[in-house]
Amino acid sequence: MTPALAHVESWIFDLDNTLYSPGVRLFDQIDERMGSFISRLLDVDRVEARRIQKKYFHEHGTTLSGLMASHGVEPDEFLDYVHDIDLAILEQDRALAEAIGELPGKKFVFTNGDAAYATRVLERLGLGASFDALHDIHAAGYAPKPDPASYDAMCAALDIAPERALFVEDMARNLRPAKALGMVTVWVNNGSEKGAHEADAGYIDYEIEAVAPWLASLKETA
């Protein structure tokens, strides 16, 4: 491992639009399902449903958190509905699986989605055996990234020492709490929706375009 990262013993990765490219547009399906759920729940048209969806996303970190706070929505009902999507668009990423497998220490997934969905995505990508554990929205007590409580809960649950951890994420704002805890932060600047929102070099250690090539480069320069 490159000397600058030799201290890292926990490698933490976001899931959506991080372990796969936003170019596959998988999240578009989830976006559509969220709009449909809100339209039905609140009896509004799809334009108003999308406005509400994005408002909750920006104000609460996730659409789910906004729906829970404002309408008492049950998490499982929402998550089961919005994650009922076709994953056939995803392909196995052997280069990424190999790169993650060669990392020293433990590897984790930290997602605002739920474990059932995350497991399906990882299996589809060929990463089902690549991680030691994952921390989902249920385990976070429904406090989503970038709520600092979510990061504290993850570190406690997975016995992660943040000063010896690295976090990879496509949403720049989600790196701020990780940096505050002492983690090395990696922003995957790949054009995902609002990925650059609140981006600040003060809490971003590395800016990359894709995960697999960057991990491979660490080995090459070691």
Protein backbone atom coordinates (compact mmCIF):
# COMPACT_ATOMS: atom_id res chain seq x y z
CA MET A 1 0.00 0.00 0.00
CA THR A 2 1.14 3.51 -0.80
CA PRO A 3 2.80 4.99 2.32
CA ALA A 4 0.23 7.78 2.69
CA LEU A 5 -2.47 5.16 3.31
CA ALA A 6 -0.42 2.54 5.12
CA HIS A 7 -2.27 3.30 8.36
CA VAL A 8 -5.70 2.47 6.91
CA GLU A 9 -7.19 -0.70 8.35
CA SER A 10 -10.87 -0.10 7.51
CA TRP A 11 -11.97 0.64 3.94
CA ILE A 12 -15.52 1.99 3.80
CA PHE A 13 -17.49 2.41 0.58
CA ASP A 14 -20.80 4.00 -0.25
CA LEU A 15 -22.95 1.83 -2.52
CA ASP A 16 -25.13 3.63 -5.08
CA ASN A 17 -23.28 5.58 -7.78
CA THR A 18 -20.00 4.74 -6.05
CA LEU A 19 -19.46 1.01 -6.56
CA TYR A 20 -21.11 1.34 -9.96
CA SER A 21 -21.22 4.25 -12.39
CA PRO A 22 -24.20 6.63 -12.36
CA GLY A 23 -24.06 6.21 -16.13
CA VAL A 24 -25.99 2.93 -15.83
CA ARG A 25 -28.89 5.02 -14.49
CA LEU A 26 -29.93 2.43 -11.93
CA PHE A 27 -30.95 5.11 -9.47
CA ASP A 28 -33.34 6.52 -12.06
CA GLN A 29 -35.54 3.51 -11.37
CA ILE A 30 -35.48 4.21 -7.65
CA ASP A 31 -36.16 7.87 -8.30
CA GLU A 32 -39.22 6.93 -10.35
CA ARG A 33 -40.47 4.58 -7.65
CA MET A 34 -40.05 7.25 -4.98
CA GLY A 35 -42.11 9.68 -7.01
CA SER A 36 -44.81 7.07 -7.49
CA PHE A 37 -44.88 6.29 -3.77
CA ILE A 38 -45.26 9.96 -2.82
CA SER A 39 -47.88 10.59 -5.49
CA ARG A 40 -49.99 7.75 -4.15
CA LEU A 41 -49.38 8.57 -0.48
CA LEU A 42 -50.20 12.28 -0.70
CA ASP A 43 -52.62 12.14 -3.64
CA VAL A 44 -50.62 14.61 -5.72
CA ASP A 45 -49.54 14.58 -9.35
CA ARG A 46 -46.08 13.42 -10.35
CA VAL A 47 -44.69 16.94 -10.75
CA GLU A 48 -45.63 17.85 -7.18
CA ALA A 49 -44.46 14.46 -5.95
CA ARG A 50 -41.02 15.04 -7.45
CA ARG A 51 -40.83 18.51 -5.89
CA ILE A 52 -41.63 17.03 -2.48
CA GLN A 53 -39.20 14.17 -3.01
CA LYS A 54 -36.26 16.45 -3.80
CA LYS A 55 -37.19 18.86 -1.02
CA TYR A 56 -37.05 16.05 1.54
CA PHE A 57 -33.82 14.71 0.06
CA HIS A 58 -32.03 18.03 0.44
CA GLU A 59 -33.51 18.96 3.81
CA HIS A 60 -33.36 15.56 5.52
CA GLY A 61 -30.55 13.68 3.76
CA THR A 62 -32.94 11.11 2.28
CA THR A 63 -36.49 11.18 0.97
CA LEU A 64 -37.36 8.50 3.53
CA SER A 65 -36.29 10.66 6.46
CA GLY A 66 -38.50 13.49 5.24
CA LEU A 67 -41.47 11.16 4.80
CA MET A 68 -40.96 9.68 8.25
CA ALA A 69 -40.72 13.10 9.88
CA SER A 70 -43.59 14.72 8.01
CA HIS A 71 -45.98 11.85 7.34
CA GLY A 72 -45.10 9.01 9.70
CA VAL A 73 -44.22 6.65 6.86
CA GLU A 74 -43.07 3.18 7.91
CA PRO A 75 -39.49 2.62 6.65
CA ASP A 76 -39.97 -0.95 5.46
CA GLU A 77 -43.04 -0.04 3.41
CA PHE A 78 -41.14 2.68 1.59
CA LEU A 79 -37.87 0.79 1.15
CA ASP A 80 -39.53 -2.38 -0.11
CA TYR A 81 -41.46 -0.37 -2.69
CA VAL A 82 -38.68 1.86 -4.03
CA HIS A 83 -36.11 -0.95 -4.20
CA ASP A 84 -38.36 -3.23 -6.23
CA ILE A 85 -36.37 -2.55 -9.38
CA ASP A 86 -34.66 -4.41 -12.20
CA LEU A 87 -30.95 -4.90 -11.53
CA ALA A 88 -30.25 -6.54 -14.88
CA ILE A 89 -28.63 -3.32 -16.05
CA LEU A 90 -25.70 -3.98 -13.68
CA GLU A 91 -22.79 -6.12 -14.81
CA GLN A 92 -20.11 -7.88 -12.82
CA ASP A 93 -17.07 -5.70 -12.20
CA ARG A 94 -14.17 -8.11 -11.93
CA ALA A 95 -11.57 -5.34 -11.81
CA LEU A 96 -13.29 -3.75 -8.82
CA ALA A 97 -13.72 -7.08 -7.06
CA GLU A 98 -10.02 -7.82 -7.52
CA ALA A 99 -8.94 -4.36 -6.36
CA ILE A 100 -11.08 -4.49 -3.23
CA GLY A 101 -9.96 -8.04 -2.50
CA GLU A 102 -6.33 -6.96 -2.48
CA LEU A 103 -6.83 -4.18 0.05
CA PRO A 104 -5.28 -4.82 3.47
CA GLY A 105 -7.62 -4.78 6.44
CA LYS A 106 -11.39 -4.95 6.51
CA LYS A 107 -13.86 -3.68 3.94
CA PHE A 108 -17.34 -2.29 4.62
CA VAL A 109 -20.33 -0.82 2.80
CA PHE A 110 -22.02 2.23 4.34
CA THR A 111 -25.33 3.00 2.65
CA ASN A 112 -28.49 5.04 3.14
CA GLY A 113 -30.34 2.13 1.55
CA ASP A 114 -31.26 -1.09 3.29
CA ALA A 115 -29.31 -4.33 3.60
CA ALA A 116 -31.66 -6.38 1.42
CA TYR A 117 -31.25 -4.02 -1.52
CA ALA A 118 -27.52 -3.54 -0.96
CA THR A 119 -26.96 -7.30 -0.91
CA ARG A 120 -28.78 -7.69 -4.24
CA VAL A 121 -26.67 -4.96 -5.84
CA LEU A 122 -23.40 -6.37 -4.51
CA GLU A 123 -24.24 -9.85 -5.78
CA ARG A 124 -25.09 -8.46 -9.19
CA LEU A 125 -21.75 -6.60 -9.32
CA GLY A 126 -19.85 -9.73 -8.33
CA LEU A 127 -18.96 -8.16 -4.98
CA GLY A 128 -21.02 -10.44 -2.75
CA ALA A 129 -17.95 -11.81 -1.01
CA SER A 130 -15.88 -8.61 -1.10
CA PHE A 131 -17.02 -7.02 2.16
CA ASP A 132 -16.82 -7.98 5.80
CA ALA A 133 -20.07 -6.20 6.72
CA LEU A 134 -22.44 -3.46 5.67
CA HIS A 135 -24.12 -0.70 7.64
CA ASP A 136 -27.54 0.27 6.35
CA ILE A 137 -30.26 2.79 7.19
CA HIS A 138 -31.87 0.44 9.71
CA ALA A 139 -28.60 -0.02 11.60
CA ALA A 140 -28.15 3.76 11.58
CA GLY A 141 -31.45 4.21 13.39
CA TYR A 142 -32.82 5.98 10.28
CA ALA A 143 -30.32 8.82 10.70
CA PRO A 144 -28.96 9.04 7.14
CA LYS A 145 -25.66 10.35 5.88
CA PRO A 146 -24.59 13.12 6.36
CA ASP A 147 -26.06 13.08 9.90
CA PRO A 148 -22.99 12.64 12.18
CA ALA A 149 -25.01 10.19 14.31
CA SER A 150 -25.01 7.78 11.37
CA TYR A 151 -21.20 7.73 11.26
CA ASP A 152 -20.91 7.30 15.02
CA ALA A 153 -23.34 4.39 14.88
CA MET A 154 -21.39 2.73 12.09
CA CYS A 155 -18.05 3.05 13.86
CA ALA A 156 -19.52 1.64 17.06
CA ALA A 157 -21.35 -1.23 15.38
CA LEU A 158 -18.43 -2.30 13.18
CA ASP A 159 -15.64 -1.52 15.66
CA ILE A 160 -14.04 0.99 13.31
CA ALA A 161 -11.32 3.36 14.53
CA PRO A 162 -12.03 6.41 12.35
CA GLU A 163 -8.45 7.66 12.47
CA ARG A 164 -7.46 4.39 10.76
CA ALA A 165 -10.30 4.36 8.25
CA LEU A 166 -10.91 5.59 4.70
CA PHE A 167 -14.32 6.48 3.27
CA VAL A 168 -15.20 6.52 -0.45
CA GLU A 169 -18.39 8.36 -1.48
CA ASP A 170 -19.92 10.03 -4.56
CA MET A 171 -21.84 12.67 -2.55
CA ALA A 172 -19.23 15.21 -1.50
CA ARG A 173 -21.26 16.53 1.43
CA ASN A 174 -21.32 13.06 2.98
CA LEU A 175 -17.55 13.23 3.43
CA ARG A 176 -17.61 16.17 5.84
CA PRO A 177 -18.62 14.14 8.95
CA ALA A 178 -16.13 11.41 8.03
CA LYS A 179 -13.31 13.93 7.84
CA ALA A 180 -14.37 15.42 11.17
CA LEU A 181 -13.93 11.98 12.75
CA GLY A 182 -10.42 11.68 11.31
CA MET A 183 -11.07 9.44 8.32
CA VAL A 184 -9.26 9.74 5.01
CA THR A 185 -11.90 10.90 2.53
CA VAL A 186 -12.24 10.04 -1.16
CA TRP A 187 -14.76 11.80 -3.38
CA VAL A 188 -15.83 9.92 -6.51
CA ASN A 189 -16.59 12.91 -8.73
CA ASN A 190 -18.45 11.02 -11.43
CA GLY A 191 -21.36 13.31 -12.22
CA SER A 192 -23.96 11.72 -9.94
CA GLU A 193 -26.97 13.88 -9.10
CA LYS A 194 -25.95 16.66 -6.69
CA GLY A 195 -22.69 14.83 -6.11
CA ALA A 196 -20.75 18.10 -6.14
CA HIS A 197 -23.18 19.85 -3.78
CA GLU A 198 -21.20 21.50 -0.95
CA ALA A 199 -17.93 20.05 -2.25
CA ASP A 200 -15.05 21.58 -0.31
CA ALA A 201 -11.38 20.73 -0.55
CA GLY A 202 -11.16 21.22 3.20
CA TYR A 203 -12.75 17.85 3.84
CA ILE A 204 -11.82 15.97 0.66
CA ASP A 205 -8.43 14.25 0.65
CA TYR A 206 -8.66 12.56 -2.74
CA GLU A 207 -10.84 13.34 -5.76
CA ILE A 208 -11.22 10.50 -8.26
CA GLU A 209 -13.44 9.57 -11.20
CA ALA A 210 -13.90 5.85 -10.56
CA VAL A 211 -13.06 3.46 -7.73
CA ALA A 212 -11.37 0.50 -9.42
CA PRO A 213 -8.68 2.46 -11.33
CA TRP A 214 -7.85 4.48 -8.24
CA LEU A 215 -7.46 1.40 -6.05
CA ALA A 216 -5.28 -0.19 -8.73
CA SER A 217 -3.11 2.92 -8.81
CA LEU A 218 -2.45 2.61 -5.09
CA LYS A 219 -0.90 -0.77 -5.62
CA GLU A 220 1.12 0.39 -8.61
CA THR A 221 2.66 3.30 -6.70
CA ALA A 222 3.31 1.41 -3.49
